[in-house]
Amino acid sequence: MNGDKSIAIYYNNTDTATTGENIENYGEIELNGSKDTGIAYNSVSIAATNPTLVKNFADIKINNIESIGIHSEVTQNNPYIIENQGNITITAQTQDKKKPAVGIHTKDDLAKIINGNNGNIKVSKNNIGIIGNSVDNQGNIEVDTAGTAIYSNGGTVNLQSGDITLKGGSANNETKGVVLNGSNQTLNRAGGNLNLEDYSYAFVNTGSGNTLNLAGSDVVLK
């Protein structure tokens, strides 16, 4: 897609009497405009059984600023999952850190984002892989200078497997692995490797009352 503010796949359920459908994507999506969205899911009603509303198996390429690979917004107060089992690649050359491109995004408190075993997220300079609340990472996330792998505003972040690789940043332009920005959150690291270059931080706590439970395997400082 080449136009600005365009959406490749758009689902919008406005009927409270109808349960929102689930979406699986198997086709490549390429976003070349600014403020584009690859998959946008909006619903006022979803199943009460913690459904996986969006599951991506394909390549999503984000080539311009302020664009989002997958976005969800559900007004009903039920838990749900957004899952990536494909490749999300952000190549956008973002100069303003306040206008990042984002791989997966939601503001919903009860949503969980899963980057699955086959999921790969690659983040270019000043951009963000995942913005949400509860996040499970089982795949690989690679972040370039001054970018962020996971930015969480609430809930629990589980690093279960897969590698998080942080390229070198600079003073005041650090590269970040996981940012906890909420209150009374928990980060659990059970597995996966952390690869850090100069001026990069594996974990950053900008919230309050948060708990970090750190186990797992190698942390490699380059």
C-alpha atoms as a PDB file:
ATOM      1  CA  MET A   1       0.000   0.000   0.000  1.00  0.00           C
ATOM      2  CA  ASN A   2       1.311   3.423  -0.962  1.00  0.00           C
ATOM      3  CA  GLY A   3      -1.300   5.840   0.406  1.00  0.00           C
ATOM      4  CA  ASP A   4      -1.129   7.529   3.817  1.00  0.00           C
ATOM      5  CA  LYS A   5      -3.580   6.512   6.576  1.00  0.00           C
ATOM      6  CA  SER A   6      -4.494   3.341   4.677  1.00  0.00           C
ATOM      7  CA  ILE A   7      -5.543  -0.013   6.152  1.00  0.00           C
ATOM      8  CA  ALA A   8      -4.849  -3.374   4.497  1.00  0.00           C
ATOM      9  CA  ILE A   9      -7.275  -5.534   6.530  1.00  0.00           C
ATOM     10  CA  TYR A  10     -10.031  -3.797   8.499  1.00  0.00           C
ATOM     11  CA  TYR A  11     -12.562  -5.546  10.740  1.00  0.00           C
ATOM     12  CA  ASN A  12     -15.167  -3.427  12.513  1.00  0.00           C
ATOM     13  CA  ASN A  13     -18.031  -4.959  14.493  1.00  0.00           C
ATOM     14  CA  THR A  14     -20.466  -2.359  15.868  1.00  0.00           C
ATOM     15  CA  ASP A  15     -23.270  -4.775  16.815  1.00  0.00           C
ATOM     16  CA  THR A  16     -23.325  -5.654  20.528  1.00  0.00           C
ATOM     17  CA  ALA A  17     -25.576  -8.634  19.749  1.00  0.00           C
ATOM     18  CA  THR A  18     -22.971 -10.163  17.415  1.00  0.00           C
ATOM     19  CA  THR A  19     -19.738 -11.735  18.645  1.00  0.00           C
ATOM     20  CA  GLY A  20     -16.701 -10.477  16.774  1.00  0.00           C
ATOM     21  CA  GLU A  21     -15.088 -12.868  14.296  1.00  0.00           C
ATOM     22  CA  ASN A  22     -11.460 -14.034  14.470  1.00  0.00           C
ATOM     23  CA  ILE A  23      -8.943 -13.075  11.762  1.00  0.00           C
ATOM     24  CA  GLU A  24      -6.029 -15.158  10.451  1.00  0.00           C
ATOM     25  CA  ASN A  25      -3.648 -13.549   7.975  1.00  0.00           C
ATOM     26  CA  TYR A  26      -1.542 -15.597   5.533  1.00  0.00           C
ATOM     27  CA  GLY A  27      -0.806 -12.882   2.962  1.00  0.00           C
ATOM     28  CA  GLU A  28       2.122 -10.468   2.819  1.00  0.00           C
ATOM     29  CA  ILE A  29       1.329  -6.874   3.775  1.00  0.00           C
ATOM     30  CA  GLU A  30       3.610  -3.960   2.901  1.00  0.00           C
ATOM     31  CA  LEU A  31       2.938  -0.473   4.278  1.00  0.00           C
ATOM     32  CA  ASN A  32       4.657   2.333   2.374  1.00  0.00           C
ATOM     33  CA  GLY A  33       2.616   5.340   3.506  1.00  0.00           C
ATOM     34  CA  SER A  34       2.694   7.141   6.836  1.00  0.00           C
ATOM     35  CA  LYS A  35       0.105   6.318   9.522  1.00  0.00           C
ATOM     36  CA  ASP A  36      -0.850   3.100   7.701  1.00  0.00           C
ATOM     37  CA  THR A  37      -2.169  -0.013   9.469  1.00  0.00           C
ATOM     38  CA  GLY A  38      -1.674  -3.584   8.328  1.00  0.00           C
ATOM     39  CA  ILE A  39      -4.476  -5.255  10.313  1.00  0.00           C
ATOM     40  CA  ALA A  40      -6.992  -3.194  12.302  1.00  0.00           C
ATOM     41  CA  TYR A  41      -9.430  -5.055  14.542  1.00  0.00           C
ATOM     42  CA  ASN A  42     -12.291  -3.170  16.221  1.00  0.00           C
ATOM     43  CA  SER A  43     -15.250  -4.735  17.991  1.00  0.00           C
ATOM     44  CA  VAL A  44     -17.843  -3.861  20.617  1.00  0.00           C
ATOM     45  CA  SER A  45     -18.444  -7.544  21.413  1.00  0.00           C
ATOM     46  CA  ILE A  46     -16.181 -10.621  21.588  1.00  0.00           C
ATOM     47  CA  ALA A  47     -16.445 -14.161  22.944  1.00  0.00           C
ATOM     48  CA  ALA A  48     -15.994 -14.553  26.687  1.00  0.00           C
ATOM     49  CA  THR A  49     -13.526 -17.464  26.295  1.00  0.00           C
ATOM     50  CA  ASN A  50     -10.289 -15.457  25.818  1.00  0.00           C
ATOM     51  CA  PRO A  51     -10.317 -15.727  22.012  1.00  0.00           C
ATOM     52  CA  THR A  52      -7.355 -15.149  19.704  1.00  0.00           C
ATOM     53  CA  LEU A  53      -8.883 -12.328  17.665  1.00  0.00           C
ATOM     54  CA  VAL A  54      -5.971 -11.783  15.292  1.00  0.00           C
ATOM     55  CA  LYS A  55      -3.329 -14.341  14.324  1.00  0.00           C
ATOM     56  CA  ASN A  56      -0.651 -13.412  11.813  1.00  0.00           C
ATOM     57  CA  PHE A  57       1.341 -16.068   9.937  1.00  0.00           C
ATOM     58  CA  ALA A  58       2.770 -13.877   7.168  1.00  0.00           C
ATOM     59  CA  ASP A  59       5.204 -11.019   6.535  1.00  0.00           C
ATOM     60  CA  ILE A  60       4.211  -7.485   7.500  1.00  0.00           C
ATOM     61  CA  LYS A  61       6.623  -4.788   6.316  1.00  0.00           C
ATOM     62  CA  ILE A  62       6.376  -1.280   7.758  1.00  0.00           C
ATOM     63  CA  ASN A  63       8.306   1.221   5.677  1.00  0.00           C
ATOM     64  CA  ASN A  64       7.100   4.608   6.890  1.00  0.00           C
ATOM     65  CA  ILE A  65       6.640   6.615  10.084  1.00  0.00           C
ATOM     66  CA  GLU A  66       3.740   6.255  12.557  1.00  0.00           C
ATOM     67  CA  SER A  67       2.466   3.109  10.849  1.00  0.00           C
ATOM     68  CA  ILE A  68       1.318   0.022  12.775  1.00  0.00           C
ATOM     69  CA  GLY A  69       1.490  -3.617  11.756  1.00  0.00           C
ATOM     70  CA  ILE A  70      -1.397  -4.920  13.895  1.00  0.00           C
ATOM     71  CA  HIS A  71      -3.771  -2.770  15.966  1.00  0.00           C
ATOM     72  CA  SER A  72      -6.721  -3.880  18.126  1.00  0.00           C
ATOM     73  CA  GLU A  73      -9.428  -2.023  20.016  1.00  0.00           C
ATOM     74  CA  VAL A  74     -12.236  -3.837  21.841  1.00  0.00           C
ATOM     75  CA  THR A  75     -14.732  -1.886  23.944  1.00  0.00           C
ATOM     76  CA  GLN A  76     -16.178  -4.946  25.721  1.00  0.00           C
ATOM     77  CA  ASN A  77     -14.319  -5.718  28.948  1.00  0.00           C
ATOM     78  CA  ASN A  78     -13.263  -9.285  28.081  1.00  0.00           C
ATOM     79  CA  PRO A  79      -9.744 -10.731  27.741  1.00  0.00           C
ATOM     80  CA  TYR A  80      -8.406 -11.641  24.317  1.00  0.00           C
ATOM     81  CA  ILE A  81      -5.180 -12.466  22.469  1.00  0.00           C
ATOM     82  CA  ILE A  82      -3.343 -10.987  19.501  1.00  0.00           C
ATOM     83  CA  GLU A  83      -0.719 -13.451  18.223  1.00  0.00           C
ATOM     84  CA  ASN A  84       2.145 -13.127  15.765  1.00  0.00           C
ATOM     85  CA  GLN A  85       3.629 -16.242  14.179  1.00  0.00           C
ATOM     86  CA  GLY A  86       5.046 -14.393  11.177  1.00  0.00           C
ATOM     87  CA  ASN A  87       7.673 -11.767  10.430  1.00  0.00           C
ATOM     88  CA  ILE A  88       7.025  -8.128  11.269  1.00  0.00           C
ATOM     89  CA  THR A  89       9.773  -5.892   9.900  1.00  0.00           C
ATOM     90  CA  ILE A  90       9.968  -2.161  10.541  1.00  0.00           C
ATOM     91  CA  THR A  91      12.307  -0.409   8.115  1.00  0.00           C
ATOM     92  CA  ALA A  92      10.920   3.117   8.611  1.00  0.00           C
ATOM     93  CA  GLN A  93      13.685   5.666   9.196  1.00  0.00           C
ATOM     94  CA  THR A  94      12.074   7.551  12.062  1.00  0.00           C
ATOM     95  CA  GLN A  95      13.873  10.692  13.207  1.00  0.00           C
ATOM     96  CA  ASP A  96      11.320  11.799  15.826  1.00  0.00           C
ATOM     97  CA  LYS A  97      11.063   9.323  18.734  1.00  0.00           C
ATOM     98  CA  LYS A  98       7.582  10.702  19.498  1.00  0.00           C
ATOM     99  CA  LYS A  99       6.313   9.414  16.127  1.00  0.00           C
ATOM    100  CA  PRO A 100       7.421   5.771  16.038  1.00  0.00           C
ATOM    101  CA  ALA A 101       6.290   2.994  13.779  1.00  0.00           C
ATOM    102  CA  VAL A 102       5.006   0.046  15.855  1.00  0.00           C
ATOM    103  CA  GLY A 103       4.814  -3.663  15.106  1.00  0.00           C
ATOM    104  CA  ILE A 104       1.834  -4.599  17.322  1.00  0.00           C
ATOM    105  CA  HIS A 105      -0.262  -2.123  19.320  1.00  0.00           C
ATOM    106  CA  THR A 106      -3.219  -2.127  21.700  1.00  0.00           C
ATOM    107  CA  LYS A 107      -4.383   0.052  24.584  1.00  0.00           C
ATOM    108  CA  ASP A 108      -6.848  -2.542  25.923  1.00  0.00           C
ATOM    109  CA  ASP A 109      -6.100  -3.517  29.531  1.00  0.00           C
ATOM    110  CA  LEU A 110      -7.232  -7.143  29.147  1.00  0.00           C
ATOM    111  CA  ALA A 111      -5.532  -7.814  25.819  1.00  0.00           C
ATOM    112  CA  LYS A 112      -2.493 -10.086  25.672  1.00  0.00           C
ATOM    113  CA  ILE A 113       0.003  -9.851  22.829  1.00  0.00           C
ATOM    114  CA  ILE A 114       1.922 -13.043  22.019  1.00  0.00           C
ATOM    115  CA  ASN A 115       4.985 -13.097  19.797  1.00  0.00           C
ATOM    116  CA  GLY A 116       4.964 -16.843  19.211  1.00  0.00           C
ATOM    117  CA  ASN A 117       7.699 -19.429  18.652  1.00  0.00           C
ATOM    118  CA  ASN A 118       7.762 -18.660  14.922  1.00  0.00           C
ATOM    119  CA  GLY A 119       7.342 -14.931  15.390  1.00  0.00           C
ATOM    120  CA  ASN A 120      10.104 -12.515  14.446  1.00  0.00           C
ATOM    121  CA  ILE A 121       9.980  -8.758  14.947  1.00  0.00           C
ATOM    122  CA  LYS A 122      12.708  -6.515  13.567  1.00  0.00           C
ATOM    123  CA  VAL A 123      12.708  -2.877  14.648  1.00  0.00           C
ATOM    124  CA  SER A 124      14.617  -0.028  12.987  1.00  0.00           C
ATOM    125  CA  LYS A 125      15.956   3.137  14.636  1.00  0.00           C
ATOM    126  CA  ASN A 126      13.628   4.950  17.100  1.00  0.00           C
ATOM    127  CA  ASN A 127      10.737   2.537  16.544  1.00  0.00           C
ATOM    128  CA  ILE A 128       8.931   0.061  18.825  1.00  0.00           C
ATOM    129  CA  GLY A 129       8.207  -3.648  18.374  1.00  0.00           C
ATOM    130  CA  ILE A 130       5.242  -4.042  20.747  1.00  0.00           C
ATOM    131  CA  ILE A 131       3.153  -1.517  22.691  1.00  0.00           C
ATOM    132  CA  GLY A 132       0.521  -3.020  24.970  1.00  0.00           C
ATOM    133  CA  ASN A 133      -0.054  -4.394  28.430  1.00  0.00           C
ATOM    134  CA  SER A 134       0.358  -8.134  28.999  1.00  0.00           C
ATOM    135  CA  VAL A 135       2.928  -9.619  26.618  1.00  0.00           C
ATOM    136  CA  ASP A 136       4.342 -13.125  26.114  1.00  0.00           C
ATOM    137  CA  ASN A 137       7.498 -13.386  24.022  1.00  0.00           C
ATOM    138  CA  GLN A 138       8.516 -16.776  22.641  1.00  0.00           C
ATOM    139  CA  GLY A 139      10.113 -15.581  19.404  1.00  0.00           C
ATOM    140  CA  ASN A 140      12.904 -13.252  18.343  1.00  0.00           C
ATOM    141  CA  ILE A 141      12.987  -9.464  18.532  1.00  0.00           C
ATOM    142  CA  GLU A 142      15.872  -7.431  17.103  1.00  0.00           C
ATOM    143  CA  VAL A 143      16.047  -3.698  17.803  1.00  0.00           C
ATOM    144  CA  ASP A 144      18.209  -1.039  16.171  1.00  0.00           C
ATOM    145  CA  THR A 145      19.569   2.167  17.753  1.00  0.00           C
ATOM    146  CA  ALA A 146      17.251   3.936  20.225  1.00  0.00           C
ATOM    147  CA  GLY A 147      14.377   1.558  19.527  1.00  0.00           C
ATOM    148  CA  THR A 148      12.388  -0.533  22.018  1.00  0.00           C
ATOM    149  CA  ALA A 149      11.423  -4.208  21.832  1.00  0.00           C
ATOM    150  CA  ILE A 150       8.448  -4.237  24.254  1.00  0.00           C
ATOM    151  CA  TYR A 151       6.755  -1.226  25.889  1.00  0.00           C
ATOM    152  CA  SER A 152       4.214  -2.349  28.497  1.00  0.00           C
ATOM    153  CA  ASN A 153       1.756  -0.058  30.266  1.00  0.00           C
ATOM    154  CA  GLY A 154       0.252  -2.697  32.563  1.00  0.00           C
ATOM    155  CA  GLY A 155      -0.136  -6.392  33.291  1.00  0.00           C
ATOM    156  CA  THR A 156       2.496  -9.123  33.109  1.00  0.00           C
ATOM    157  CA  VAL A 157       5.362  -9.520  30.668  1.00  0.00           C
ATOM    158  CA  ASN A 158       6.664 -13.080  30.208  1.00  0.00           C
ATOM    159  CA  LEU A 159       9.942 -13.678  28.391  1.00  0.00           C
ATOM    160  CA  GLN A 160       9.593 -17.402  27.791  1.00  0.00           C
ATOM    161  CA  SER A 161      12.006 -18.154  24.939  1.00  0.00           C
ATOM    162  CA  GLY A 162      13.542 -16.601  21.848  1.00  0.00           C
ATOM    163  CA  ASP A 163      16.270 -13.967  21.594  1.00  0.00           C
ATOM    164  CA  ILE A 164      16.055 -10.238  22.188  1.00  0.00           C
ATOM    165  CA  THR A 165      18.931  -8.469  20.438  1.00  0.00           C
ATOM    166  CA  LEU A 166      19.634  -4.783  21.116  1.00  0.00           C
ATOM    167  CA  LYS A 167      21.909  -2.888  18.753  1.00  0.00           C
ATOM    168  CA  GLY A 168      24.148  -0.165  20.115  1.00  0.00           C
ATOM    169  CA  GLY A 169      22.655   3.199  20.993  1.00  0.00           C
ATOM    170  CA  SER A 170      24.294   6.353  22.285  1.00  0.00           C
ATOM    171  CA  ALA A 171      24.058   8.671  25.284  1.00  0.00           C
ATOM    172  CA  ASN A 172      20.418   9.809  25.638  1.00  0.00           C
ATOM    173  CA  ASN A 173      19.478   7.524  22.733  1.00  0.00           C
ATOM    174  CA  GLU A 174      19.651   4.137  24.406  1.00  0.00           C
ATOM    175  CA  THR A 175      18.204   0.963  22.916  1.00  0.00           C
ATOM    176  CA  LYS A 176      15.739  -0.794  25.256  1.00  0.00           C
ATOM    177  CA  GLY A 177      14.525  -4.347  25.674  1.00  0.00           C
ATOM    178  CA  VAL A 178      11.474  -4.214  27.955  1.00  0.00           C
ATOM    179  CA  VAL A 179      10.025  -1.013  29.398  1.00  0.00           C
ATOM    180  CA  LEU A 180       7.555  -1.353  32.295  1.00  0.00           C
ATOM    181  CA  ASN A 181       5.568   1.880  32.450  1.00  0.00           C
ATOM    182  CA  GLY A 182       2.643   0.815  34.632  1.00  0.00           C
ATOM    183  CA  SER A 183       1.997   0.135  38.305  1.00  0.00           C
ATOM    184  CA  ASN A 184       2.295  -3.195  40.151  1.00  0.00           C
ATOM    185  CA  GLN A 185       3.430  -5.026  37.047  1.00  0.00           C
ATOM    186  CA  THR A 186       5.445  -8.240  36.913  1.00  0.00           C
ATOM    187  CA  LEU A 187       8.167  -9.191  34.468  1.00  0.00           C
ATOM    188  CA  ASN A 188       9.073 -12.898  34.383  1.00  0.00           C
ATOM    189  CA  ARG A 189      12.161 -13.982  32.486  1.00  0.00           C
ATOM    190  CA  ALA A 190      12.237 -17.770  32.213  1.00  0.00           C
ATOM    191  CA  GLY A 191      14.244 -18.273  29.028  1.00  0.00           C
ATOM    192  CA  GLY A 192      15.672 -16.822  25.866  1.00  0.00           C
ATOM    193  CA  ASN A 193      18.933 -14.996  25.263  1.00  0.00           C
ATOM    194  CA  LEU A 194      19.575 -11.281  25.687  1.00  0.00           C
ATOM    195  CA  ASN A 195      22.217  -9.764  23.402  1.00  0.00           C
ATOM    196  CA  LEU A 196      23.217  -6.212  24.309  1.00  0.00           C
ATOM    197  CA  GLU A 197      25.569  -3.762  22.607  1.00  0.00           C
ATOM    198  CA  ASP A 198      26.807  -0.374  23.886  1.00  0.00           C
ATOM    199  CA  TYR A 199      24.213   1.978  25.390  1.00  0.00           C
ATOM    200  CA  SER A 200      21.455  -0.594  25.549  1.00  0.00           C
ATOM    201  CA  TYR A 201      19.296  -1.590  28.518  1.00  0.00           C
ATOM    202  CA  ALA A 202      17.676  -5.002  28.869  1.00  0.00           C
ATOM    203  CA  PHE A 203      14.999  -3.795  31.317  1.00  0.00           C
ATOM    204  CA  VAL A 204      13.793  -0.290  32.136  1.00  0.00           C
ATOM    205  CA  ASN A 205      11.313   0.437  34.934  1.00  0.00           C
ATOM    206  CA  THR A 206       9.593   3.803  34.519  1.00  0.00           C
ATOM    207  CA  GLY A 207       6.523   2.737  36.511  1.00  0.00           C
ATOM    208  CA  SER A 208       5.978   2.085  40.216  1.00  0.00           C
ATOM    209  CA  GLY A 209       5.686  -0.994  42.423  1.00  0.00           C
ATOM    210  CA  ASN A 210       6.851  -3.309  39.648  1.00  0.00           C
ATOM    211  CA  THR A 211       8.514  -6.701  40.188  1.00  0.00           C
ATOM    212  CA  LEU A 212      11.221  -8.308  38.040  1.00  0.00           C
ATOM    213  CA  ASN A 213      11.737 -12.076  38.333  1.00  0.00           C
ATOM    214  CA  LEU A 214      14.872 -12.804  36.344  1.00  0.00           C
ATOM    215  CA  ALA A 215      16.068 -16.319  35.507  1.00  0.00           C
ATOM    216  CA  GLY A 216      16.717 -17.828  32.089  1.00  0.00           C
ATOM    217  CA  SER A 217      19.883 -18.308  30.102  1.00  0.00           C
ATOM    218  CA  ASP A 218      22.611 -16.132  28.626  1.00  0.00           C
ATOM    219  CA  VAL A 219      22.982 -12.380  28.732  1.00  0.00           C
ATOM    220  CA  VAL A 220      25.652 -11.448  26.164  1.00  0.00           C
ATOM    221  CA  LEU A 221      27.317  -8.028  26.377  1.00  0.00           C
ATOM    222  CA  LYS A 222      29.080  -7.010  23.174  1.00  0.00           C
END
